[in-house]
Amino acid sequence: MATSTLRELELYYRALADDSRMRIVRLLATQGEHSVSHLAQRLELSQPLMTWHLRRLVRAGIVRTQRVGREVRCSFDRERFGQLHEGGFRTLMNRSGVRE
């Protein structure tokens, strides 16, 4: 497996390994696009902490951001999430990289 693919999967799983980030993803996946300030308010996180969590999710490819004027809007990237999830499953099921 390519090193870049393993790095992508590592970022993906590490991004999902935090309770606050899982809450952000769940909210975006079920309720659609939100502004950073609205997410911070809804999840009772400070704006700097929300920005830090979102940066990890964006880097992992799970969340997309778009600047609209002075506001940053966030959305769940379903397609990329599906690709990463499928890639993780294929990696787990790949017996060629496993020593027995």
PDB file of N, CA and C in Angstrom:
ATOM      1  N   MET A   1       0.851  -1.173   0.000  1.00  0.00           N
ATOM      2  CA  MET A   1       0.000   0.000   0.000  1.00  0.00           C
ATOM      3  C   MET A   1       0.896   1.234   0.000  1.00  0.00           C
ATOM      4  N   ALA A   2       0.501   2.237  -0.737  1.00  0.00           N
ATOM      5  CA  ALA A   2       1.293   3.458  -0.866  1.00  0.00           C
ATOM      6  C   ALA A   2       1.355   4.216   0.459  1.00  0.00           C
ATOM      7  N   THR A   3       2.487   4.833   0.704  1.00  0.00           N
ATOM      8  CA  THR A   3       2.683   5.609   1.928  1.00  0.00           C
ATOM      9  C   THR A   3       1.681   6.749   2.015  1.00  0.00           C
ATOM     10  N   SER A   4       1.372   7.382   0.878  1.00  0.00           N
ATOM     11  CA  SER A   4       0.419   8.494   0.883  1.00  0.00           C
ATOM     12  C   SER A   4      -0.979   8.025   1.293  1.00  0.00           C
ATOM     13  N   THR A   5      -1.360   6.829   0.868  1.00  0.00           N
ATOM     14  CA  THR A   5      -2.665   6.278   1.236  1.00  0.00           C
ATOM     15  C   THR A   5      -2.726   5.997   2.734  1.00  0.00           C
ATOM     16  N   LEU A   6      -1.657   5.437   3.263  1.00  0.00           N
ATOM     17  CA  LEU A   6      -1.621   5.166   4.706  1.00  0.00           C
ATOM     18  C   LEU A   6      -1.666   6.471   5.495  1.00  0.00           C
ATOM     19  N   ARG A   7      -1.002   7.500   5.005  1.00  0.00           N
ATOM     20  CA  ARG A   7      -1.013   8.810   5.680  1.00  0.00           C
ATOM     21  C   ARG A   7      -2.426   9.393   5.673  1.00  0.00           C
ATOM     22  N   GLU A   8      -3.131   9.285   4.545  1.00  0.00           N
ATOM     23  CA  GLU A   8      -4.515   9.770   4.460  1.00  0.00           C
ATOM     24  C   GLU A   8      -5.405   9.046   5.469  1.00  0.00           C
ATOM     25  N   LEU A   9      -5.248   7.743   5.552  1.00  0.00           N
ATOM     26  CA  LEU A   9      -6.058   6.963   6.491  1.00  0.00           C
ATOM     27  C   LEU A   9      -5.713   7.298   7.936  1.00  0.00           C
ATOM     28  N   GLU A  10      -4.446   7.539   8.209  1.00  0.00           N
ATOM     29  CA  GLU A  10      -4.047   7.932   9.560  1.00  0.00           C
ATOM     30  C   GLU A  10      -4.707   9.255   9.949  1.00  0.00           C
ATOM     31  N   LEU A  11      -4.684  10.231   9.048  1.00  0.00           N
ATOM     32  CA  LEU A  11      -5.337  11.520   9.320  1.00  0.00           C
ATOM     33  C   LEU A  11      -6.838  11.343   9.533  1.00  0.00           C
ATOM     34  N   TYR A  12      -7.447  10.495   8.720  1.00  0.00           N
ATOM     35  CA  TYR A  12      -8.881  10.216   8.806  1.00  0.00           C
ATOM     36  C   TYR A  12      -9.249   9.631  10.170  1.00  0.00           C
ATOM     37  N   TYR A  13      -8.560   8.580  10.570  1.00  0.00           N
ATOM     38  CA  TYR A  13      -8.900   7.925  11.834  1.00  0.00           C
ATOM     39  C   TYR A  13      -8.545   8.783  13.044  1.00  0.00           C
ATOM     40  N   ARG A  14      -7.454   9.517  12.979  1.00  0.00           N
ATOM     41  CA  ARG A  14      -7.111  10.404  14.092  1.00  0.00           C
ATOM     42  C   ARG A  14      -8.130  11.535  14.225  1.00  0.00           C
ATOM     43  N   ALA A  15      -8.622  12.016  13.089  1.00  0.00           N
ATOM     44  CA  ALA A  15      -9.633  13.082  13.129  1.00  0.00           C
ATOM     45  C   ALA A  15     -10.914  12.588  13.798  1.00  0.00           C
ATOM     46  N   LEU A  16     -11.264  11.348  13.563  1.00  0.00           N
ATOM     47  CA  LEU A  16     -12.495  10.800  14.124  1.00  0.00           C
ATOM     48  C   LEU A  16     -12.324  10.283  15.549  1.00  0.00           C
ATOM     49  N   ALA A  17     -11.112  10.275  16.051  1.00  0.00           N
ATOM     50  CA  ALA A  17     -10.834   9.703  17.372  1.00  0.00           C
ATOM     51  C   ALA A  17     -11.119  10.665  18.522  1.00  0.00           C
ATOM     52  N   ASP A  18     -11.661  11.822  18.233  1.00  0.00           N
ATOM     53  CA  ASP A  18     -11.939  12.815  19.268  1.00  0.00           C
ATOM     54  C   ASP A  18     -13.448  13.035  19.371  1.00  0.00           C
ATOM     55  N   ASP A  19     -13.958  13.076  20.593  1.00  0.00           N
ATOM     56  CA  ASP A  19     -15.393  13.230  20.822  1.00  0.00           C
ATOM     57  C   ASP A  19     -15.942  14.526  20.223  1.00  0.00           C
ATOM     58  N   SER A  20     -15.244  15.624  20.403  1.00  0.00           N
ATOM     59  CA  SER A  20     -15.727  16.906  19.861  1.00  0.00           C
ATOM     60  C   SER A  20     -15.788  16.873  18.345  1.00  0.00           C
ATOM     61  N   ARG A  21     -14.773  16.296  17.715  1.00  0.00           N
ATOM     62  CA  ARG A  21     -14.783  16.229  16.249  1.00  0.00           C
ATOM     63  C   ARG A  21     -15.876  15.291  15.751  1.00  0.00           C
ATOM     64  N   MET A  22     -16.130  14.210  16.483  1.00  0.00           N
ATOM     65  CA  MET A  22     -17.238  13.330  16.097  1.00  0.00           C
ATOM     66  C   MET A  22     -18.569  14.068  16.199  1.00  0.00           C
ATOM     67  N   ARG A  23     -18.726  14.899  17.219  1.00  0.00           N
ATOM     68  CA  ARG A  23     -19.961  15.682  17.362  1.00  0.00           C
ATOM     69  C   ARG A  23     -20.098  16.674  16.208  1.00  0.00           C
ATOM     70  N   ILE A  24     -19.003  17.289  15.790  1.00  0.00           N
ATOM     71  CA  ILE A  24     -19.030  18.221  14.656  1.00  0.00           C
ATOM     72  C   ILE A  24     -19.452  17.488  13.393  1.00  0.00           C
ATOM     73  N   VAL A  25     -18.825  16.353  13.123  1.00  0.00           N
ATOM     74  CA  VAL A  25     -19.145  15.570  11.923  1.00  0.00           C
ATOM     75  C   VAL A  25     -20.592  15.119  11.952  1.00  0.00           C
ATOM     76  N   ARG A  26     -21.054  14.631  13.096  1.00  0.00           N
ATOM     77  CA  ARG A  26     -22.439  14.172  13.221  1.00  0.00           C
ATOM     78  C   ARG A  26     -23.422  15.310  12.926  1.00  0.00           C
ATOM     79  N   LEU A  27     -23.142  16.480  13.458  1.00  0.00           N
ATOM     80  CA  LEU A  27     -24.021  17.626  13.238  1.00  0.00           C
ATOM     81  C   LEU A  27     -24.040  18.030  11.761  1.00  0.00           C
ATOM     82  N   LEU A  28     -22.879  18.107  11.150  1.00  0.00           N
ATOM     83  CA  LEU A  28     -22.818  18.479   9.736  1.00  0.00           C
ATOM     84  C   LEU A  28     -23.435  17.415   8.838  1.00  0.00           C
ATOM     85  N   ALA A  29     -23.234  16.138   9.176  1.00  0.00           N
ATOM     86  CA  ALA A  29     -23.777  15.053   8.352  1.00  0.00           C
ATOM     87  C   ALA A  29     -25.293  14.981   8.439  1.00  0.00           C
ATOM     88  N   THR A  30     -25.850  15.282   9.600  1.00  0.00           N
ATOM     89  CA  THR A  30     -27.298  15.136   9.770  1.00  0.00           C
ATOM     90  C   THR A  30     -28.074  16.419   9.523  1.00  0.00           C
ATOM     91  N   GLN A  31     -27.430  17.585   9.742  1.00  0.00           N
ATOM     92  CA  GLN A  31     -28.173  18.841   9.638  1.00  0.00           C
ATOM     93  C   GLN A  31     -27.650  19.775   8.554  1.00  0.00           C
ATOM     94  N   GLY A  32     -26.648  19.360   7.824  1.00  0.00           N
ATOM     95  CA  GLY A  32     -26.166  20.171   6.711  1.00  0.00           C
ATOM     96  C   GLY A  32     -25.169  21.247   7.121  1.00  0.00           C
ATOM     97  N   GLU A  33     -24.970  22.157   6.216  1.00  0.00           N
ATOM     98  CA  GLU A  33     -23.963  23.213   6.346  1.00  0.00           C
ATOM     99  C   GLU A  33     -24.249  24.174   7.499  1.00  0.00           C
ATOM    100  N   HIS A  34     -23.162  24.585   8.195  1.00  0.00           N
ATOM    101  CA  HIS A  34     -23.257  25.548   9.291  1.00  0.00           C
ATOM    102  C   HIS A  34     -22.047  26.472   9.252  1.00  0.00           C
ATOM    103  N   SER A  35     -22.193  27.647   9.822  1.00  0.00           N
ATOM    104  CA  SER A  35     -21.051  28.537   9.973  1.00  0.00           C
ATOM    105  C   SER A  35     -20.221  28.081  11.173  1.00  0.00           C
ATOM    106  N   VAL A  36     -18.958  28.491  11.195  1.00  0.00           N
ATOM    107  CA  VAL A  36     -18.082  28.128  12.308  1.00  0.00           C
ATOM    108  C   VAL A  36     -18.652  28.664  13.616  1.00  0.00           C
ATOM    109  N   SER A  37     -19.119  29.907  13.601  1.00  0.00           N
ATOM    110  CA  SER A  37     -19.648  30.494  14.838  1.00  0.00           C
ATOM    111  C   SER A  37     -20.898  29.753  15.314  1.00  0.00           C
ATOM    112  N   HIS A  38     -21.752  29.321  14.392  1.00  0.00           N
ATOM    113  CA  HIS A  38     -22.949  28.575  14.775  1.00  0.00           C
ATOM    114  C   HIS A  38     -22.577  27.208  15.345  1.00  0.00           C
ATOM    115  N   LEU A  39     -21.603  26.538  14.723  1.00  0.00           N
ATOM    116  CA  LEU A  39     -21.140  25.245  15.252  1.00  0.00           C
ATOM    117  C   LEU A  39     -20.587  25.406  16.663  1.00  0.00           C
ATOM    118  N   ALA A  40     -19.776  26.434  16.866  1.00  0.00           N
ATOM    119  CA  ALA A  40     -19.190  26.675  18.187  1.00  0.00           C
ATOM    120  C   ALA A  40     -20.281  26.891  19.229  1.00  0.00           C
ATOM    121  N   GLN A  41     -21.287  27.658  18.852  1.00  0.00           N
ATOM    122  CA  GLN A  41     -22.388  27.939  19.774  1.00  0.00           C
ATOM    123  C   GLN A  41     -23.189  26.672  20.064  1.00  0.00           C
ATOM    124  N   ARG A  42     -23.535  25.925  19.019  1.00  0.00           N
ATOM    125  CA  ARG A  42     -24.339  24.706  19.189  1.00  0.00           C
ATOM    126  C   ARG A  42     -23.638  23.656  20.038  1.00  0.00           C
ATOM    127  N   LEU A  43     -22.319  23.516  19.852  1.00  0.00           N
ATOM    128  CA  LEU A  43     -21.574  22.474  20.548  1.00  0.00           C
ATOM    129  C   LEU A  43     -20.883  22.990  21.803  1.00  0.00           C
ATOM    130  N   GLU A  44     -21.139  24.238  22.129  1.00  0.00           N
ATOM    131  CA  GLU A  44     -20.598  24.863  23.332  1.00  0.00           C
ATOM    132  C   GLU A  44     -19.074  24.747  23.419  1.00  0.00           C
ATOM    133  N   LEU A  45     -18.421  25.124  22.317  1.00  0.00           N
ATOM    134  CA  LEU A  45     -16.968  25.176  22.237  1.00  0.00           C
ATOM    135  C   LEU A  45     -16.554  26.609  21.924  1.00  0.00           C
ATOM    136  N   SER A  46     -15.395  27.009  22.387  1.00  0.00           N
ATOM    137  CA  SER A  46     -14.910  28.345  22.037  1.00  0.00           C
ATOM    138  C   SER A  46     -14.604  28.384  20.539  1.00  0.00           C
ATOM    139  N   GLN A  47     -14.664  29.568  19.970  1.00  0.00           N
ATOM    140  CA  GLN A  47     -14.393  29.704  18.534  1.00  0.00           C
ATOM    141  C   GLN A  47     -12.971  29.249  18.176  1.00  0.00           C
ATOM    142  N   PRO A  48     -11.935  29.615  18.964  1.00  0.00           N
ATOM    143  CA  PRO A  48     -10.592  29.117  18.625  1.00  0.00           C
ATOM    144  C   PRO A  48     -10.486  27.592  18.680  1.00  0.00           C
ATOM    145  N   LEU A  49     -11.128  26.965  19.669  1.00  0.00           N
ATOM    146  CA  LEU A  49     -11.097  25.511  19.762  1.00  0.00           C
ATOM    147  C   LEU A  49     -11.860  24.878  18.593  1.00  0.00           C
ATOM    148  N   MET A  50     -12.987  25.458  18.216  1.00  0.00           N
ATOM    149  CA  MET A  50     -13.756  24.961  17.072  1.00  0.00           C
ATOM    150  C   MET A  50     -12.913  25.040  15.801  1.00  0.00           C
ATOM    151  N   THR A  51     -12.218  26.158  15.621  1.00  0.00           N
ATOM    152  CA  THR A  51     -11.359  26.329  14.448  1.00  0.00           C
ATOM    153  C   THR A  51     -10.265  25.278  14.427  1.00  0.00           C
ATOM    154  N   TRP A  52      -9.679  24.985  15.593  1.00  0.00           N
ATOM    155  CA  TRP A  52      -8.633  23.972  15.678  1.00  0.00           C
ATOM    156  C   TRP A  52      -9.165  22.598  15.282  1.00  0.00           C
ATOM    157  N   HIS A  53     -10.341  22.227  15.799  1.00  0.00           N
ATOM    158  CA  HIS A  53     -10.941  20.936  15.453  1.00  0.00           C
ATOM    159  C   HIS A  53     -11.288  20.882  13.961  1.00  0.00           C
ATOM    160  N   LEU A  54     -11.829  21.959  13.439  1.00  0.00           N
ATOM    161  CA  LEU A  54     -12.197  21.979  12.023  1.00  0.00           C
ATOM    162  C   LEU A  54     -10.972  21.848  11.128  1.00  0.00           C
ATOM    163  N   ARG A  55      -9.867  22.446  11.519  1.00  0.00           N
ATOM    164  CA  ARG A  55      -8.637  22.325  10.744  1.00  0.00           C
ATOM    165  C   ARG A  55      -8.229  20.849  10.618  1.00  0.00           C
ATOM    166  N   ARG A  56      -8.343  20.101  11.705  1.00  0.00           N
ATOM    167  CA  ARG A  56      -8.016  18.666  11.664  1.00  0.00           C
ATOM    168  C   ARG A  56      -8.979  17.917  10.725  1.00  0.00           C
ATOM    169  N   LEU A  57     -10.264  18.252  10.791  1.00  0.00           N
ATOM    170  CA  LEU A  57     -11.257  17.587   9.945  1.00  0.00           C
ATOM    171  C   LEU A  57     -11.079  17.942   8.471  1.00  0.00           C
ATOM    172  N   VAL A  58     -10.724  19.181   8.197  1.00  0.00           N
ATOM    173  CA  VAL A  58     -10.481  19.601   6.812  1.00  0.00           C
ATOM    174  C   VAL A  58      -9.242  18.890   6.277  1.00  0.00           C
ATOM    175  N   ARG A  59      -8.173  18.868   7.061  1.00  0.00           N
ATOM    176  CA  ARG A  59      -6.935  18.204   6.646  1.00  0.00           C
ATOM    177  C   ARG A  59      -7.177  16.719   6.368  1.00  0.00           C
ATOM    178  N   ALA A  60      -8.077  16.105   7.121  1.00  0.00           N
ATOM    179  CA  ALA A  60      -8.402  14.687   6.926  1.00  0.00           C
ATOM    180  C   ALA A  60      -9.321  14.473   5.728  1.00  0.00           C
ATOM    181  N   GLY A  61      -9.933  15.529   5.218  1.00  0.00           N
ATOM    182  CA  GLY A  61     -10.819  15.401   4.062  1.00  0.00           C
ATOM    183  C   GLY A  61     -12.262  15.093   4.410  1.00  0.00           C
ATOM    184  N   ILE A  62     -12.633  15.269   5.659  1.00  0.00           N
ATOM    185  CA  ILE A  62     -13.984  14.926   6.101  1.00  0.00           C
ATOM    186  C   ILE A  62     -14.927  16.124   5.997  1.00  0.00           C
ATOM    187  N   VAL A  63     -14.384  17.312   6.205  1.00  0.00           N
ATOM    188  CA  VAL A  63     -15.173  18.546   6.193  1.00  0.00           C
ATOM    189  C   VAL A  63     -14.585  19.497   5.156  1.00  0.00           C
ATOM    190  N   ARG A  64     -15.471  20.223   4.487  1.00  0.00           N
ATOM    191  CA  ARG A  64     -15.063  21.276   3.551  1.00  0.00           C
ATOM    192  C   ARG A  64     -15.458  22.619   4.143  1.00  0.00           C
ATOM    193  N   THR A  65     -14.662  23.625   3.875  1.00  0.00           N
ATOM    194  CA  THR A  65     -15.002  24.981   4.305  1.00  0.00           C
ATOM    195  C   THR A  65     -15.037  25.898   3.100  1.00  0.00           C
ATOM    196  N   GLN A  66     -15.858  26.944   3.228  1.00  0.00           N
ATOM    197  CA  GLN A  66     -15.975  27.940   2.167  1.00  0.00           C
ATOM    198  C   GLN A  66     -16.206  29.286   2.824  1.00  0.00           C
ATOM    199  N   ARG A  67     -15.410  30.272   2.424  1.00  0.00           N
ATOM    200  CA  ARG A  67     -15.583  31.622   2.950  1.00  0.00           C
ATOM    201  C   ARG A  67     -16.678  32.321   2.159  1.00  0.00           C
ATOM    202  N   VAL A  68     -17.648  32.874   2.895  1.00  0.00           N
ATOM    203  CA  VAL A  68     -18.739  33.652   2.305  1.00  0.00           C
ATOM    204  C   VAL A  68     -18.728  34.995   3.024  1.00  0.00           C
ATOM    205  N   GLY A  69     -18.102  35.985   2.407  1.00  0.00           N
ATOM    206  CA  GLY A  69     -17.939  37.275   3.071  1.00  0.00           C
ATOM    207  C   GLY A  69     -17.016  37.125   4.262  1.00  0.00           C
ATOM    208  N   ARG A  70     -17.485  37.512   5.433  1.00  0.00           N
ATOM    209  CA  ARG A  70     -16.687  37.383   6.656  1.00  0.00           C
ATOM    210  C   ARG A  70     -16.917  36.058   7.364  1.00  0.00           C
ATOM    211  N   GLU A  71     -17.822  35.264   6.845  1.00  0.00           N
ATOM    212  CA  GLU A  71     -18.217  34.019   7.496  1.00  0.00           C
ATOM    213  C   GLU A  71     -17.569  32.819   6.806  1.00  0.00           C
ATOM    214  N   VAL A  72     -17.217  31.816   7.593  1.00  0.00           N
ATOM    215  CA  VAL A  72     -16.719  30.554   7.050  1.00  0.00           C
ATOM    216  C   VAL A  72     -17.801  29.504   7.258  1.00  0.00           C
ATOM    217  N   ARG A  73     -18.233  28.896   6.153  1.00  0.00           N
ATOM    218  CA  ARG A  73     -19.274  27.874   6.184  1.00  0.00           C
ATOM    219  C   ARG A  73     -18.626  26.500   6.086  1.00  0.00           C
ATOM    220  N   CYS A  74     -19.126  25.538   6.847  1.00  0.00           N
ATOM    221  CA  CYS A  74     -18.578  24.180   6.895  1.00  0.00           C
ATOM    222  C   CYS A  74     -19.626  23.196   6.422  1.00  0.00           C
ATOM    223  N   SER A  75     -19.162  22.163   5.703  1.00  0.00           N
ATOM    224  CA  SER A  75     -20.076  21.113   5.269  1.00  0.00           C
ATOM    225  C   SER A  75     -19.357  19.769   5.313  1.00  0.00           C
ATOM    226  N   PHE A  76     -20.135  18.730   5.453  1.00  0.00           N
ATOM    227  CA  PHE A  76     -19.642  17.351   5.493  1.00  0.00           C
ATOM    228  C   PHE A  76     -19.396  16.888   4.069  1.00  0.00           C
ATOM    229  N   ASP A  77     -18.219  16.356   3.782  1.00  0.00           N
ATOM    230  CA  ASP A  77     -17.887  15.856   2.452  1.00  0.00           C
ATOM    231  C   ASP A  77     -18.203  14.359   2.394  1.00  0.00           C
ATOM    232  N   ARG A  78     -19.437  14.057   2.046  1.00  0.00           N
ATOM    233  CA  ARG A  78     -19.904  12.666   2.031  1.00  0.00           C
ATOM    234  C   ARG A  78     -19.101  11.786   1.085  1.00  0.00           C
ATOM    235  N   GLU A  79     -18.809  12.302  -0.087  1.00  0.00           N
ATOM    236  CA  GLU A  79     -18.083  11.509  -1.078  1.00  0.00           C
ATOM    237  C   GLU A  79     -16.688  11.134  -0.573  1.00  0.00           C
ATOM    238  N   ARG A  80     -15.959  12.117  -0.077  1.00  0.00           N
ATOM    239  CA  ARG A  80     -14.607  11.857   0.421  1.00  0.00           C
ATOM    240  C   ARG A  80     -14.641  10.957   1.659  1.00  0.00           C
ATOM    241  N   PHE A  81     -15.619  11.188   2.529  1.00  0.00           N
ATOM    242  CA  PHE A  81     -15.768  10.343   3.717  1.00  0.00           C
ATOM    243  C   PHE A  81     -15.977   8.894   3.293  1.00  0.00           C
ATOM    244  N   GLY A  82     -16.815   8.666   2.304  1.00  0.00           N
ATOM    245  CA  GLY A  82     -17.065   7.315   1.803  1.00  0.00           C
ATOM    246  C   GLY A  82     -15.813   6.680   1.235  1.00  0.00           C
ATOM    247  N   GLN A  83     -15.029   7.467   0.491  1.00  0.00           N
ATOM    248  CA  GLN A  83     -13.782   6.949  -0.077  1.00  0.00           C
ATOM    249  C   GLN A  83     -12.807   6.551   1.030  1.00  0.00           C
ATOM    250  N   LEU A  84     -12.670   7.401   2.038  1.00  0.00           N
ATOM    251  CA  LEU A  84     -11.751   7.103   3.136  1.00  0.00           C
ATOM    252  C   LEU A  84     -12.223   5.892   3.938  1.00  0.00           C
ATOM    253  N   HIS A  85     -13.516   5.825   4.174  1.00  0.00           N
ATOM    254  CA  HIS A  85     -14.078   4.686   4.909  1.00  0.00           C
ATOM    255  C   HIS A  85     -13.822   3.387   4.145  1.00  0.00           C
ATOM    256  N   GLU A  86     -14.099   3.412   2.856  1.00  0.00           N
ATOM    257  CA  GLU A  86     -13.879   2.232   2.010  1.00  0.00           C
ATOM    258  C   GLU A  86     -12.396   1.873   1.968  1.00  0.00           C
ATOM    259  N   GLY A  87     -11.522   2.874   1.873  1.00  0.00           N
ATOM    260  CA  GLY A  87     -10.080   2.627   1.866  1.00  0.00           C
ATOM    261  C   GLY A  87      -9.613   1.997   3.159  1.00  0.00           C
ATOM    262  N   GLY A  88     -10.162   2.433   4.273  1.00  0.00           N
ATOM    263  CA  GLY A  88      -9.828   1.839   5.558  1.00  0.00           C
ATOM    264  C   GLY A  88     -10.263   0.391   5.632  1.00  0.00           C
ATOM    265  N   PHE A  89     -11.451   0.113   5.129  1.00  0.00           N
ATOM    266  CA  PHE A  89     -11.956  -1.262   5.133  1.00  0.00           C
ATOM    267  C   PHE A  89     -11.080  -2.161   4.264  1.00  0.00           C
ATOM    268  N   ARG A  90     -10.739  -1.673   3.058  1.00  0.00           N
ATOM    269  CA  ARG A  90      -9.883  -2.469   2.165  1.00  0.00           C
ATOM    270  C   ARG A  90      -8.522  -2.733   2.806  1.00  0.00           C
ATOM    271  N   THR A  91      -7.990  -1.741   3.500  1.00  0.00           N
ATOM    272  CA  THR A  91      -6.699  -1.911   4.168  1.00  0.00           C
ATOM    273  C   THR A  91      -6.786  -2.972   5.259  1.00  0.00           C
ATOM    274  N   LEU A  92      -7.860  -2.942   6.030  1.00  0.00           N
ATOM    275  CA  LEU A  92      -8.036  -3.943   7.082  1.00  0.00           C
ATOM    276  C   LEU A  92      -8.198  -5.354   6.519  1.00  0.00           C
ATOM    277  N   MET A  93      -8.829  -5.466   5.374  1.00  0.00           N
ATOM    278  CA  MET A  93      -9.093  -6.772   4.786  1.00  0.00           C
ATOM    279  C   MET A  93      -7.943  -7.276   3.921  1.00  0.00           C
ATOM    280  N   ASN A  94      -6.927  -6.461   3.684  1.00  0.00           N
ATOM    281  CA  ASN A  94      -5.802  -6.831   2.833  1.00  0.00           C
ATOM    282  C   ASN A  94      -4.871  -7.754   3.603  1.00  0.00           C
ATOM    283  N   ARG A  95      -4.854  -9.018   3.255  1.00  0.00           N
ATOM    284  CA  ARG A  95      -4.042 -10.000   3.966  1.00  0.00           C
ATOM    285  C   ARG A  95      -2.581  -9.959   3.539  1.00  0.00           C
ATOM    286  N   SER A  96      -2.268  -9.331   2.414  1.00  0.00           N
ATOM    287  CA  SER A  96      -0.879  -9.366   1.924  1.00  0.00           C
ATOM    288  C   SER A  96       0.071  -8.591   2.828  1.00  0.00           C
ATOM    289  N   GLY A  97      -0.416  -7.612   3.593  1.00  0.00           N
ATOM    290  CA  GLY A  97       0.446  -6.833   4.467  1.00  0.00           C
ATOM    291  C   GLY A  97       0.516  -7.356   5.891  1.00  0.00           C
ATOM    292  N   VAL A  98      -0.112  -8.507   6.163  1.00  0.00           N
ATOM    293  CA  VAL A  98      -0.195  -9.034   7.524  1.00  0.00           C
ATOM    294  C   VAL A  98       0.785 -10.191   7.691  1.00  0.00           C
ATOM    295  N   ARG A  99       1.574 -10.112   8.754  1.00  0.00           N
ATOM    296  CA  ARG A  99       2.476 -11.225   9.087  1.00  0.00           C
ATOM    297  C   ARG A  99       1.754 -12.154  10.061  1.00  0.00           C
ATOM    298  N   GLU A 100       1.861 -13.414   9.820  1.00  0.00           N
ATOM    299  CA  GLU A 100       1.199 -14.396  10.694  1.00  0.00           C
ATOM    300  C   GLU A 100       2.200 -15.235  11.423  1.00  0.00           C
TER     301      GLU A 100
END
